[in-house]
Amino acid sequence: MTDPRAEAAAAPQAHAATDSHAARTAASDKVALFDEAQLLRRMLWTVPEAAFIARLGARSVWRLMADPNSGFPTPRRVGGRTLLARDEVLAFLGRRGGAAS
């Protein structure tokens, strides 16, 4: 409760800051790129990782996987994830003369 004998403040007090931390910077719209050297050490890649190595869009990789005549490696489905074997993808890219066009 308020003290009835307390004097009213001459000027209103400023509100204290609600946060003790500075405002965060806005998130970047740019997607972080993968580390190619680290990816080449892994045996299985996700679709976005395979697309990065092949210099393609992820949708193009999905289209290659859906086309039986493309010769693209068969994906493995593990726990709801679609994974591609690194060696098979690199062999496919080697047959195509580098990145798929």
Protein backbone atom coordinates (compact mmCIF):
# COMPACT_ATOMS: atom_id res chain seq x y z
CA MET A 1 0.00 0.00 0.00
CA THR A 2 1.05 3.59 -0.43
CA ASP A 3 2.05 5.80 2.45
CA PRO A 4 -0.41 8.72 2.73
CA ARG A 5 2.31 10.89 4.31
CA ALA A 6 4.75 10.41 1.43
CA GLU A 7 5.28 13.41 -0.78
CA ALA A 8 4.44 13.18 -4.47
CA ALA A 9 7.40 13.24 -6.81
CA ALA A 10 7.96 16.56 -8.54
CA ALA A 11 8.60 14.89 -11.91
CA PRO A 12 7.48 11.48 -13.09
CA GLN A 13 10.17 8.87 -12.92
CA ALA A 14 11.41 7.23 -16.10
CA HIS A 15 10.62 3.54 -16.47
CA ALA A 16 13.52 1.22 -15.94
CA ALA A 17 14.56 -0.87 -18.91
CA THR A 18 12.67 -4.15 -19.01
CA ASP A 19 15.62 -6.10 -20.44
CA SER A 20 19.15 -6.21 -19.16
CA HIS A 21 20.44 -7.14 -22.64
CA ALA A 22 20.78 -4.98 -25.70
CA ALA A 23 18.30 -5.49 -28.51
CA ARG A 24 19.30 -8.36 -30.77
CA THR A 25 20.19 -7.79 -34.37
CA ALA A 26 17.73 -8.82 -37.03
CA ALA A 27 18.14 -12.30 -38.49
CA SER A 28 19.74 -12.49 -41.90
CA ASP A 29 17.65 -13.64 -44.85
CA LYS A 30 20.77 -15.25 -46.31
CA VAL A 31 21.07 -19.01 -45.82
CA ALA A 32 24.37 -20.12 -44.35
CA LEU A 33 26.47 -22.09 -46.81
CA PHE A 34 27.85 -25.51 -46.03
CA ASP A 35 31.53 -26.23 -45.44
CA GLU A 36 32.57 -28.28 -48.47
CA ALA A 37 35.59 -29.89 -46.79
CA GLN A 38 33.47 -31.05 -43.87
CA LEU A 39 30.76 -32.40 -46.19
CA LEU A 40 33.27 -34.43 -48.18
CA ARG A 41 34.25 -36.27 -44.98
CA ARG A 42 30.66 -37.35 -44.28
CA MET A 43 29.32 -40.55 -45.84
CA LEU A 44 25.66 -39.51 -46.14
CA TRP A 45 24.29 -36.17 -47.29
CA THR A 46 20.89 -34.56 -47.01
CA VAL A 47 19.25 -33.21 -50.17
CA PRO A 48 20.36 -29.58 -49.51
CA GLU A 49 23.93 -30.76 -48.87
CA ALA A 50 24.00 -32.79 -52.09
CA ALA A 51 22.57 -29.79 -53.96
CA PHE A 52 25.35 -27.58 -52.56
CA ILE A 53 28.08 -29.97 -53.70
CA ALA A 54 26.45 -30.42 -57.13
CA ARG A 55 25.95 -26.65 -57.50
CA LEU A 56 22.23 -27.21 -58.04
CA GLY A 57 19.07 -26.17 -56.32
CA ALA A 58 17.48 -28.59 -53.86
CA ARG A 59 14.44 -28.85 -56.12
CA SER A 60 16.65 -29.95 -59.01
CA VAL A 61 18.06 -32.73 -56.85
CA TRP A 62 14.52 -33.85 -55.99
CA ARG A 63 13.66 -33.85 -59.70
CA LEU A 64 16.75 -35.91 -60.55
CA MET A 65 15.82 -38.43 -57.84
CA ALA A 66 12.27 -38.67 -59.22
CA ASP A 67 13.42 -39.25 -62.80
CA PRO A 68 14.34 -42.94 -63.27
CA ASN A 69 16.22 -42.15 -66.49
CA SER A 70 18.54 -39.58 -64.90
CA GLY A 71 20.85 -42.15 -63.34
CA PHE A 72 20.88 -40.21 -60.07
CA PRO A 73 21.65 -42.37 -57.01
CA THR A 74 18.79 -43.97 -55.13
CA PRO A 75 18.14 -42.16 -51.85
CA ARG A 76 17.98 -43.86 -48.48
CA ARG A 77 15.11 -43.03 -46.17
CA VAL A 78 16.16 -43.08 -42.52
CA GLY A 79 13.76 -41.98 -39.82
CA GLY A 80 11.82 -39.69 -42.13
CA ARG A 81 14.98 -38.16 -43.60
CA THR A 82 16.16 -38.55 -47.17
CA LEU A 83 19.89 -39.25 -47.36
CA LEU A 84 22.21 -39.75 -50.31
CA ALA A 85 25.48 -41.69 -50.32
CA ARG A 86 28.42 -39.35 -50.89
CA ASP A 87 30.35 -41.72 -53.17
CA GLU A 88 27.34 -42.38 -55.39
CA VAL A 89 26.57 -38.68 -55.80
CA LEU A 90 30.21 -37.90 -56.61
CA ALA A 91 30.29 -40.75 -59.14
CA PHE A 92 27.12 -39.37 -60.75
CA LEU A 93 28.67 -35.90 -60.95
CA GLY A 94 31.85 -37.40 -62.44
CA ARG A 95 29.84 -39.03 -65.23
CA ARG A 96 28.13 -35.72 -65.92
CA GLY A 97 31.44 -33.84 -66.21
CA GLY A 98 31.36 -31.95 -62.92
CA ALA A 99 28.23 -30.19 -61.77
CA ALA A 100 25.02 -31.27 -63.45
CA SER A 101 23.81 -28.77 -65.98
